[in-house]
Protein backbone atom coordinates (compact mmCIF):
# COMPACT_ATOMS: atom_id res chain seq x y z
CA MET A 1 98.47 -137.97 -55.85
CA LEU A 2 94.92 -136.93 -55.53
CA THR A 3 93.74 -133.76 -57.14
CA GLN A 4 92.10 -131.08 -55.16
CA LYS A 5 88.86 -131.66 -57.12
CA THR A 6 88.86 -135.31 -55.99
CA LYS A 7 89.39 -134.43 -52.47
CA ASP A 8 86.72 -131.91 -52.58
CA ILE A 9 84.24 -134.52 -53.93
CA VAL A 10 85.08 -137.14 -51.35
CA LYS A 11 84.65 -134.58 -48.66
CA ALA A 12 81.48 -133.34 -49.90
CA THR A 13 79.98 -136.77 -50.24
CA ALA A 14 81.36 -138.12 -46.94
CA PRO A 15 78.21 -137.12 -44.92
CA VAL A 16 76.03 -138.93 -47.32
CA LEU A 17 78.01 -142.15 -47.18
CA ALA A 18 78.14 -141.75 -43.40
CA GLU A 19 74.38 -141.54 -43.33
CA HIS A 20 74.10 -144.75 -45.36
CA GLY A 21 77.26 -146.15 -44.06
CA TYR A 22 76.03 -149.31 -42.41
CA ALA A 23 73.80 -150.35 -45.42
CA ILE A 24 76.69 -149.65 -47.84
CA ILE A 25 79.20 -151.89 -45.79
CA LYS A 26 76.53 -154.68 -45.26
CA CYS A 27 75.87 -154.71 -49.08
CA PHE A 28 79.71 -154.64 -49.65
CA TYR A 29 80.34 -157.81 -47.47
CA LYS A 30 77.39 -159.51 -49.21
CA ARG A 31 78.57 -158.85 -52.64
CA MET A 32 82.22 -159.66 -51.87
CA PHE A 33 81.45 -162.95 -50.05
CA GLU A 34 79.12 -164.10 -52.93
CA ALA A 35 81.72 -163.46 -55.41
CA HIS A 36 84.78 -164.49 -53.27
CA PRO A 37 83.55 -167.04 -50.64
CA GLU A 38 87.09 -168.02 -50.01
CA LEU A 39 87.54 -164.59 -48.09
CA LYS A 40 85.40 -165.88 -45.33
CA ASN A 41 88.46 -167.87 -44.21
CA VAL A 42 90.16 -164.54 -43.59
CA PHE A 43 87.38 -162.43 -42.05
CA ASN A 44 86.19 -162.89 -38.50
CA MET A 45 82.70 -164.37 -39.10
CA ALA A 46 81.62 -163.81 -35.52
CA HIS A 47 82.02 -159.95 -36.03
CA GLN A 48 80.10 -160.40 -39.32
CA GLU A 49 77.14 -161.97 -37.48
CA GLN A 50 77.18 -159.39 -34.85
CA GLY A 51 77.48 -156.35 -37.12
CA GLN A 52 80.80 -155.19 -35.59
CA GLN A 53 82.72 -155.59 -38.76
CA GLN A 54 80.27 -153.54 -40.76
CA GLN A 55 80.14 -150.75 -38.20
CA ALA A 56 83.94 -150.54 -37.97
CA LEU A 57 84.57 -150.34 -41.66
CA ALA A 58 81.76 -147.67 -42.07
CA ARG A 59 83.52 -145.55 -39.45
CA ALA A 60 86.93 -146.13 -40.96
CA VAL A 61 85.73 -144.92 -44.50
CA TYR A 62 84.25 -141.78 -43.05
CA ALA A 63 87.38 -141.05 -41.00
CA TYR A 64 89.48 -141.41 -44.09
CA ALA A 65 87.07 -139.09 -45.92
CA GLU A 66 87.26 -136.51 -43.09
CA ASN A 67 91.08 -136.45 -43.09
CA ILE A 68 91.76 -136.81 -46.83
CA GLU A 69 93.37 -133.24 -46.86
CA ASP A 70 95.87 -134.41 -44.36
CA PRO A 71 96.29 -138.20 -44.43
CA SER A 72 99.41 -137.98 -42.18
CA SER A 73 97.09 -137.51 -39.24
CA LEU A 74 95.98 -141.06 -39.85
CA MET A 75 99.37 -142.65 -40.07
CA ALA A 76 99.34 -144.14 -36.65
CA VAL A 77 96.07 -145.79 -37.44
CA LEU A 78 97.16 -146.96 -40.89
CA ARG A 79 100.35 -148.49 -39.22
CA ASN A 80 98.13 -150.46 -36.84
CA ILE A 81 95.89 -151.68 -39.75
CA ALA A 82 99.00 -152.66 -41.77
CA ASN A 83 100.36 -154.79 -38.87
CA LYS A 84 96.94 -156.51 -38.52
CA HIS A 85 96.75 -157.12 -42.21
CA ALA A 86 100.30 -158.54 -42.32
CA SER A 87 99.40 -160.83 -39.42
CA LEU A 88 96.44 -162.08 -41.40
CA GLY A 89 98.43 -162.47 -44.58
CA VAL A 90 96.63 -159.92 -46.59
CA ARG A 91 98.23 -159.57 -50.08
CA PRO A 92 98.18 -156.97 -52.96
CA GLU A 93 95.89 -158.89 -55.10
CA GLN A 94 93.09 -158.71 -52.65
CA TYR A 95 92.90 -154.88 -52.53
CA PRO A 96 91.25 -154.62 -56.06
CA ILE A 97 88.64 -157.13 -54.89
CA VAL A 98 87.72 -155.01 -51.86
CA GLY A 99 87.75 -151.89 -53.99
CA GLU A 100 85.53 -153.31 -56.67
CA HIS A 101 82.87 -154.40 -54.31
CA LEU A 102 82.96 -151.34 -52.02
CA LEU A 103 82.39 -149.03 -55.06
CA GLY A 104 79.66 -151.51 -56.25
CA ALA A 105 77.94 -151.36 -52.87
CA ILE A 106 78.08 -147.54 -52.98
CA LYS A 107 76.31 -147.57 -56.40
CA GLU A 108 73.75 -150.13 -55.29
CA VAL A 109 72.65 -148.31 -52.14
CA LEU A 110 72.91 -144.70 -53.36
CA GLY A 111 71.48 -145.40 -56.86
CA SER A 112 71.38 -142.41 -59.12
CA ALA A 113 72.95 -140.19 -56.37
CA ALA A 114 76.17 -142.11 -56.98
CA THR A 115 77.16 -140.32 -60.26
CA ASP A 116 80.15 -141.38 -62.38
CA GLU A 117 82.00 -138.39 -61.02
CA ILE A 118 81.47 -139.50 -57.47
CA ILE A 119 82.38 -143.01 -58.03
CA SER A 120 85.63 -142.09 -59.89
CA ALA A 121 86.54 -139.79 -56.93
CA TRP A 122 86.15 -142.63 -54.46
CA ALA A 123 87.82 -145.10 -56.69
CA GLN A 124 90.89 -142.69 -56.74
CA ALA A 125 90.77 -142.13 -53.02
CA TYR A 126 90.60 -145.91 -52.35
CA GLY A 127 93.42 -146.54 -54.68
CA ASN A 128 95.57 -144.02 -52.88
CA LEU A 129 94.70 -145.58 -49.44
CA ALA A 130 95.44 -149.08 -50.89
CA ASP A 131 98.89 -148.02 -52.16
CA VAL A 132 99.77 -146.60 -48.73
CA LEU A 133 98.85 -149.85 -46.95
CA MET A 134 100.42 -152.12 -49.44
CA GLY A 135 103.63 -150.21 -49.12
CA MET A 136 103.57 -150.54 -45.35
CA GLU A 137 102.55 -154.23 -45.47
CA GLY A 138 105.36 -154.97 -47.97
CA GLU A 139 107.96 -153.51 -45.70
CA LEU A 140 106.60 -155.54 -42.75
CA TYR A 141 106.69 -158.81 -44.70
CA GLU A 142 110.28 -158.16 -45.80
CA GLY A 143 111.39 -157.24 -42.28
CA THR A 144 109.94 -160.36 -40.72
CA ALA A 145 111.20 -162.73 -43.34
CA ALA A 146 114.73 -161.28 -43.15
CA GLN A 147 115.26 -161.89 -39.40
CA LEU A 148 116.45 -165.09 -37.81
CA GLY A 149 113.51 -167.45 -37.41
CA GLY A 150 111.29 -165.19 -39.41
CA TRP A 151 108.75 -166.32 -42.08
CA THR A 152 105.66 -165.06 -44.03
CA GLY A 153 102.42 -166.77 -44.35
CA TRP A 154 101.52 -169.74 -42.06
CA ARG A 155 103.86 -171.95 -40.28
CA ASN A 156 102.94 -175.20 -38.30
CA PHE A 157 103.42 -175.17 -34.61
CA ILE A 158 102.81 -177.89 -31.98
CA VAL A 159 101.33 -177.39 -28.57
CA ARG A 160 104.03 -178.32 -26.10
CA GLU A 161 102.17 -177.20 -22.92
CA LYS A 162 98.60 -176.33 -22.10
CA ARG A 163 98.21 -174.61 -18.62
CA PRO A 164 94.94 -173.26 -17.06
CA GLU A 165 95.70 -169.69 -15.66
CA SER A 166 92.30 -169.10 -14.13
CA SER A 167 88.69 -170.33 -14.58
CA VAL A 168 88.34 -168.68 -17.92
CA ILE A 169 92.01 -168.30 -19.19
CA THR A 170 94.44 -170.93 -20.53
CA SER A 171 97.94 -170.54 -21.79
CA PHE A 172 99.42 -172.47 -24.68
CA ILE A 173 103.11 -172.84 -25.29
CA LEU A 174 103.74 -173.25 -29.07
CA GLU A 175 106.92 -174.47 -30.73
CA PRO A 176 107.56 -174.87 -34.47
CA VAL A 177 107.21 -178.32 -35.91
CA ASP A 178 110.29 -177.83 -38.12
CA GLY A 179 112.38 -177.42 -34.84
CA GLY A 180 113.87 -174.10 -36.08
CA PRO A 181 114.14 -170.82 -34.18
CA VAL A 182 111.26 -168.38 -33.98
CA ALA A 183 111.30 -164.72 -34.93
CA ASN A 184 111.88 -162.27 -32.15
CA PHE A 185 109.17 -159.86 -31.11
CA GLU A 186 108.65 -156.73 -29.26
CA PRO A 187 106.96 -157.26 -25.76
CA GLY A 188 103.37 -156.41 -26.29
CA GLN A 189 102.96 -157.66 -29.89
CA PHE A 190 100.59 -160.47 -31.10
CA ILE A 191 100.39 -163.36 -33.39
CA SER A 192 97.64 -164.87 -35.46
CA ILE A 193 96.41 -168.38 -35.11
CA GLY A 194 94.40 -170.19 -37.81
CA VAL A 195 92.21 -172.98 -37.01
CA ASP A 196 89.37 -174.94 -38.79
CA VAL A 197 85.98 -174.31 -37.14
CA PRO A 198 83.63 -177.18 -37.83
CA ALA A 199 80.54 -175.21 -36.86
CA LEU A 200 81.24 -172.72 -39.72
CA GLY A 201 82.94 -175.12 -42.17
CA LEU A 202 85.72 -172.40 -42.42
CA GLN A 203 89.14 -171.43 -41.31
CA GLN A 204 89.05 -168.62 -38.70
CA ILE A 205 91.86 -166.49 -37.63
CA ARG A 206 92.19 -164.79 -34.28
CA GLN A 207 94.97 -162.60 -32.96
CA TYR A 208 96.25 -163.17 -29.39
CA SER A 209 98.97 -161.16 -27.56
CA LEU A 210 102.21 -163.05 -26.80
CA SER A 211 102.16 -163.36 -23.01
CA ASP A 212 105.77 -164.17 -22.40
CA MET A 213 109.11 -162.45 -23.23
CA PRO A 214 110.95 -163.46 -26.29
CA ASN A 215 113.12 -166.64 -26.00
CA GLY A 216 113.83 -167.54 -29.65
CA ARG A 217 112.32 -171.01 -29.35
CA SER A 218 108.66 -170.88 -28.62
CA TYR A 219 105.62 -168.54 -28.12
CA ARG A 220 103.07 -168.33 -25.40
CA ILE A 221 99.50 -167.19 -25.72
CA SER A 222 97.01 -166.92 -23.08
CA VAL A 223 93.30 -167.31 -24.27
CA LYS A 224 90.13 -166.19 -22.59
CA ARG A 225 87.09 -168.54 -23.21
CA GLU A 226 84.49 -166.30 -24.84
CA GLY A 227 80.77 -167.07 -24.76
CA GLY A 228 80.12 -170.72 -25.64
CA ASP A 229 80.52 -173.25 -28.49
CA ALA A 230 77.43 -171.94 -30.23
CA HIS A 231 78.11 -168.20 -29.38
CA PRO A 232 79.71 -166.44 -32.21
CA ALA A 233 82.36 -164.77 -30.08
CA GLY A 234 83.38 -168.17 -28.79
CA TYR A 235 84.07 -170.05 -32.01
CA VAL A 236 87.81 -170.05 -31.76
CA SER A 237 88.47 -169.57 -28.02
CA CYS A 238 86.19 -172.56 -27.08
CA LEU A 239 87.76 -174.69 -29.72
CA LEU A 240 91.24 -173.99 -28.28
CA HIS A 241 90.07 -174.52 -24.75
CA ASP A 242 88.12 -177.62 -25.32
CA HIS A 243 89.76 -179.44 -28.21
CA VAL A 244 93.27 -178.27 -28.89
CA ASN A 245 95.62 -180.24 -26.55
CA VAL A 246 99.39 -181.00 -26.04
CA GLY A 247 100.76 -182.66 -29.21
CA ASP A 248 98.21 -180.97 -31.53
CA GLU A 249 99.25 -178.83 -34.45
CA VAL A 250 98.13 -175.20 -35.25
CA LYS A 251 98.97 -172.65 -37.73
CA LEU A 252 100.73 -169.39 -36.84
CA ALA A 253 101.66 -166.11 -38.60
CA ALA A 254 104.70 -164.26 -37.41
CA PRO A 255 104.42 -161.52 -34.61
CA TYR A 256 103.26 -158.01 -35.49
CA GLY A 257 101.75 -155.10 -33.75
CA THR A 258 102.42 -151.47 -32.91
CA PHE A 259 101.52 -151.83 -29.17
CA HIS A 260 104.89 -152.42 -27.37
CA ILE A 261 107.31 -150.98 -24.99
CA ASP A 262 110.59 -149.36 -25.81
CA VAL A 263 112.97 -151.99 -24.34
CA ASN A 264 115.91 -149.64 -24.44
CA ALA A 265 114.31 -146.86 -22.59
CA LYS A 266 115.21 -146.29 -18.85
CA THR A 267 112.20 -144.23 -17.98
CA PRO A 268 109.30 -145.70 -15.77
CA ILE A 269 106.40 -147.53 -17.36
CA VAL A 270 102.84 -147.98 -15.84
CA LEU A 271 100.93 -150.99 -17.17
CA ILE A 272 97.10 -150.80 -16.65
CA SER A 273 95.08 -153.74 -17.60
CA GLY A 274 91.50 -155.27 -17.17
CA GLY A 275 90.74 -158.87 -17.46
CA VAL A 276 92.48 -160.85 -20.28
CA GLY A 277 94.05 -157.43 -21.17
CA LEU A 278 96.93 -158.33 -18.80
CA THR A 279 98.39 -160.79 -21.41
CA PRO A 280 100.59 -158.40 -23.45
CA MET A 281 101.37 -156.55 -20.11
CA VAL A 282 103.03 -159.79 -18.76
CA SER A 283 105.34 -159.87 -21.71
CA MET A 284 106.15 -156.16 -21.41
CA LEU A 285 106.65 -156.64 -17.52
CA LYS A 286 109.03 -159.56 -17.68
CA LYS A 287 111.21 -157.78 -20.18
CA ALA A 288 111.13 -154.37 -18.30
CA ILE A 289 112.07 -155.76 -14.91
CA GLN A 290 115.27 -157.26 -16.31
CA ASP A 291 116.59 -153.86 -15.99
CA PRO A 292 116.74 -153.13 -12.14
CA GLN A 293 117.11 -149.45 -12.76
CA ARG A 294 113.68 -149.23 -14.61
CA GLN A 295 110.67 -148.48 -12.41
CA VAL A 296 107.55 -150.57 -13.30
CA VAL A 297 103.98 -150.23 -11.95
CA PHE A 298 101.38 -152.89 -12.91
CA VAL A 299 97.86 -151.99 -12.21
CA HIS A 300 95.31 -154.90 -12.82
CA GLY A 301 91.52 -155.08 -12.52
CA ALA A 302 89.60 -158.46 -12.32
CA ARG A 303 86.39 -159.63 -11.00
CA ASN A 304 88.03 -161.74 -8.34
CA SER A 305 90.71 -164.28 -7.87
CA GLY A 306 88.85 -166.98 -9.55
CA VAL A 307 89.40 -165.15 -13.05
CA HIS A 308 92.69 -163.48 -12.17
CA ALA A 309 95.23 -165.04 -14.41
CA MET A 310 98.92 -165.42 -13.40
CA ARG A 311 98.05 -163.91 -9.97
CA ASP A 312 100.67 -165.79 -7.91
CA ARG A 313 103.40 -165.18 -10.41
CA LEU A 314 102.81 -161.60 -10.55
CA ARG A 315 102.89 -161.21 -6.65
CA GLU A 316 106.18 -163.37 -6.63
CA ALA A 317 107.60 -161.08 -9.12
CA ALA A 318 106.75 -158.05 -6.99
CA LYS A 319 108.48 -159.84 -3.90
CA THR A 320 111.72 -160.50 -5.84
CA ASN A 321 111.94 -157.23 -7.89
CA THR A 322 112.32 -154.03 -5.79
CA ASN A 323 111.63 -151.97 -8.94
CA LEU A 324 108.12 -153.46 -9.47
CA ASN A 325 104.93 -152.50 -7.84
CA VAL A 326 101.82 -154.55 -8.44
CA ILE A 327 98.41 -153.01 -7.44
CA VAL A 328 95.21 -155.20 -7.89
CA PHE A 329 91.56 -154.20 -7.90
CA TYR A 330 88.87 -156.71 -7.49
CA ASP A 331 85.33 -155.44 -8.29
CA ASP A 332 83.49 -158.59 -6.95
CA PRO A 333 85.94 -160.18 -4.58
CA LEU A 334 85.28 -163.68 -3.11
CA PRO A 335 85.03 -164.31 0.55
CA GLN A 336 88.38 -165.92 0.58
CA ASP A 337 89.84 -162.87 -1.30
CA VAL A 338 88.55 -160.59 1.42
CA ALA A 339 89.80 -162.87 4.15
CA GLY A 340 93.22 -163.27 2.66
CA ARG A 341 93.55 -159.72 1.37
CA ASP A 342 94.54 -161.09 -1.96
CA PHE A 343 93.85 -157.68 -3.55
CA ASP A 344 94.71 -154.08 -2.89
CA HIS A 345 91.52 -152.28 -3.62
CA ALA A 346 87.88 -153.18 -3.89
CA GLY A 347 85.93 -151.81 -6.92
CA LEU A 348 86.86 -150.93 -10.49
CA VAL A 349 90.23 -149.65 -11.32
CA THR A 350 90.58 -145.91 -10.75
CA VAL A 351 94.06 -144.39 -11.28
CA LYS A 352 92.95 -141.29 -9.27
CA ALA A 353 92.81 -143.54 -6.17
CA ILE A 354 96.50 -144.41 -6.69
CA LYS A 355 97.87 -141.46 -8.31
CA GLU A 356 100.77 -141.28 -5.90
CA ALA A 357 101.83 -144.63 -7.27
CA VAL A 358 101.26 -144.01 -11.01
CA LEU A 359 102.32 -140.31 -11.52
CA LEU A 360 105.93 -140.90 -12.18
CA PRO A 361 108.38 -138.55 -13.87
CA ASP A 362 108.57 -139.15 -17.63
CA ALA A 363 106.55 -142.34 -17.34
CA ASP A 364 104.88 -143.99 -20.35
CA TYR A 365 101.39 -145.51 -19.73
CA TYR A 366 100.08 -148.69 -21.49
CA ILE A 367 96.42 -149.78 -21.30
CA CYS A 368 94.68 -152.92 -22.41
CA GLY A 369 91.40 -154.36 -21.70
CA PRO A 370 87.69 -153.91 -22.90
CA ILE A 371 87.17 -150.76 -24.76
CA PRO A 372 85.06 -148.95 -22.07
CA PHE A 373 87.72 -149.85 -19.51
CA MET A 374 90.53 -148.22 -21.69
CA ARG A 375 88.38 -145.16 -22.31
CA ILE A 376 87.95 -144.62 -18.56
CA GLN A 377 91.69 -145.07 -17.82
CA HIS A 378 92.69 -142.89 -20.76
CA ASP A 379 90.43 -140.03 -19.66
CA ALA A 380 91.46 -140.32 -16.14
CA LEU A 381 95.15 -140.01 -17.07
CA LYS A 382 94.51 -137.06 -19.14
CA GLU A 383 92.61 -135.38 -16.17
CA LEU A 384 95.74 -136.11 -14.08
CA GLY A 385 97.84 -134.14 -16.52
CA ILE A 386 99.46 -137.03 -18.56
CA ARG A 387 100.14 -135.99 -22.19
CA GLU A 388 98.48 -137.98 -25.01
CA ALA A 389 101.86 -138.96 -26.36
CA ARG A 390 102.59 -140.78 -23.19
CA ILE A 391 99.48 -142.81 -23.28
CA HIS A 392 99.45 -146.05 -25.37
CA TYR A 393 96.71 -148.61 -25.91
CA GLU A 394 95.70 -151.72 -27.72
CA VAL A 395 92.39 -152.26 -29.34
CA PHE A 396 91.57 -155.76 -30.64
CA GLY A 397 88.53 -155.30 -32.73
CA PRO A 398 86.92 -155.24 -36.18
CA ASP A 399 88.95 -153.66 -38.97
CA LEU A 400 89.07 -153.90 -42.82
CA PHE A 401 90.36 -157.51 -43.03
CA ALA A 402 90.91 -158.21 -39.33
CA GLU A 403 88.89 -159.30 -36.31
């Protein structure tokens, strides 16, 4: 337990760390990678190059300091971090490494202002946070390993099918090389895939939502091509699109994630996605419509039919399931889209324009897509009177060890 004095020191120095946060975190990563270059195989080096990782960790440190009197307010965030860490295979022995270099970076950047008392307080605070995360991650590892088809660490899978879903999204169906069953998952969860990236000379890990419902035999991911081969954001997605084919092997971690539907609930669900954000929604959708009494609304926004993945299958599902309503927005429709009326609304997704369809009694709302898109949908739902507890969203982005 942290003493009140320790909490007071952390709170008092948080603004100083926030002011110098980016410099501290940049120094932290430099120190850590020089001492432990093997950790480059765990971190997303594209986000390192772009500065996203540094900014995210700086914000996380400040948020922890702000909430140190009542860490319970951060439990949802910590659960999300723990799931991402478990998917990456983060282990207890890595926490002291992070702590050592984070504190070293604070000393280096702040100089004499970082007194022994301040460093001691932050060391205690970091240790407390690490204990919480290690406890959560340990429970996740145990739970995954105990279930049928479960495992920890990496497991080899073979690509059984590779299917283009649009001009930018391709699906991969993956089965374990050992022929055994695979762990069950909650619709909406993700897996990590580890591949060697020749351009970096490193392994890189990316997390992709599972885009099909559980079947006990295989997993499906649907990957959007990002940037290009030489563009940092495209290191892994381009490699998967261009060089990983049927019969090739990849390494997967077991499914994790806090963004998923309650499969036992009977209340309506509204799924709102933009672009490749539809991938976890498809998994949720396929599971939810198995219950003919459960009302499901799927709202999706895309540029046009050329990049709208799984379009025909979604339309067919709507025709054959009376409890499903699919609503499509195209913000830049092609001439053939307009001629064939392959979409319902022109422009960006706006839930206010379809409020009669989405304002359902006791409904839960799930949002996935680019961060600006999610913010717009979240705020619009709040303005329509939806309670925060009913709004759920997935953010794939930089974190302490992830993305």
